[in-house]
């Protein structure tokens, strides 16, 4: 299970799921989104290790 962060309209929630799609469905319910595709999902933890995302211009 991996850890995910979900973002929806300025709100944030976390969950653990096997896939990002599964996480998106779980987070949509937690964040009360009308459609699951409106929730942005980001991988935060994989196999117990933190995941760091870097953005380069």
Protein backbone atom coordinates (compact mmCIF):
# COMPACT_ATOMS: atom_id res chain seq x y z
CA UNK A 1 0.00 0.00 0.00
CA UNK A 2 1.20 3.46 -0.90
CA UNK A 3 0.38 6.78 0.75
CA UNK A 4 -1.38 9.46 -1.30
CA UNK A 5 -2.38 13.08 -0.82
CA UNK A 6 -5.54 14.38 -2.45
CA UNK A 7 -6.28 18.01 -3.28
CA UNK A 8 -9.73 19.39 -4.05
CA UNK A 9 -10.85 23.03 -3.99
CA UNK A 10 -8.29 24.15 -1.43
CA UNK A 11 -8.81 21.14 0.81
CA UNK A 12 -6.34 18.30 1.46
CA UNK A 13 -6.72 14.70 2.64
CA UNK A 14 -4.51 11.64 2.92
CA UNK A 15 -5.08 7.91 2.42
CA UNK A 16 -3.35 4.60 1.75
CA UNK A 17 -4.25 2.58 -1.35
CA UNK A 18 -2.77 0.06 -3.76
CA UNK A 19 -3.18 2.28 -6.85
CA UNK A 20 -3.60 5.98 -7.57
CA UNK A 21 -7.04 5.30 -9.08
CA UNK A 22 -8.18 3.56 -5.90
CA UNK A 23 -6.78 6.47 -3.87
CA UNK A 24 -8.62 8.95 -6.08
CA UNK A 25 -11.95 7.23 -5.39
CA UNK A 26 -11.28 7.10 -1.61
CA UNK A 27 -10.17 10.74 -1.49
CA UNK A 28 -13.15 11.90 -3.55
CA UNK A 29 -15.44 10.51 -0.85
CA UNK A 30 -13.36 12.05 1.96
CA UNK A 31 -13.26 15.46 0.26
CA UNK A 32 -16.90 15.23 -0.87
CA UNK A 33 -16.07 15.82 -4.53
CA UNK A 34 -18.88 15.36 -7.04
CA UNK A 35 -16.66 13.43 -9.44
CA UNK A 36 -13.49 11.51 -8.56
CA UNK A 37 -11.62 12.96 -11.56
CA UNK A 38 -11.86 16.43 -9.95
CA UNK A 39 -9.46 15.30 -7.19
CA UNK A 40 -5.73 15.68 -7.82
CA UNK A 41 -3.79 12.74 -6.39
CA UNK A 42 -0.07 12.86 -5.55
CA UNK A 43 2.08 9.94 -4.41
CA UNK A 44 3.53 10.76 -0.98
CA UNK A 45 4.82 7.42 0.34
CA UNK A 46 5.94 4.25 -1.43
CA UNK A 47 6.80 1.05 0.44
CA UNK A 48 7.16 3.01 3.69
CA UNK A 49 9.59 5.59 2.26
CA UNK A 50 8.71 9.23 1.62
CA UNK A 51 8.52 10.33 -2.01
CA UNK A 52 9.99 13.71 -2.89
CA UNK A 53 8.78 15.52 -6.01
CA UNK A 54 10.95 18.18 -7.59
CA UNK A 55 9.85 20.61 -10.26
CA UNK A 56 12.34 22.11 -12.71
CA UNK A 57 11.54 25.11 -14.85
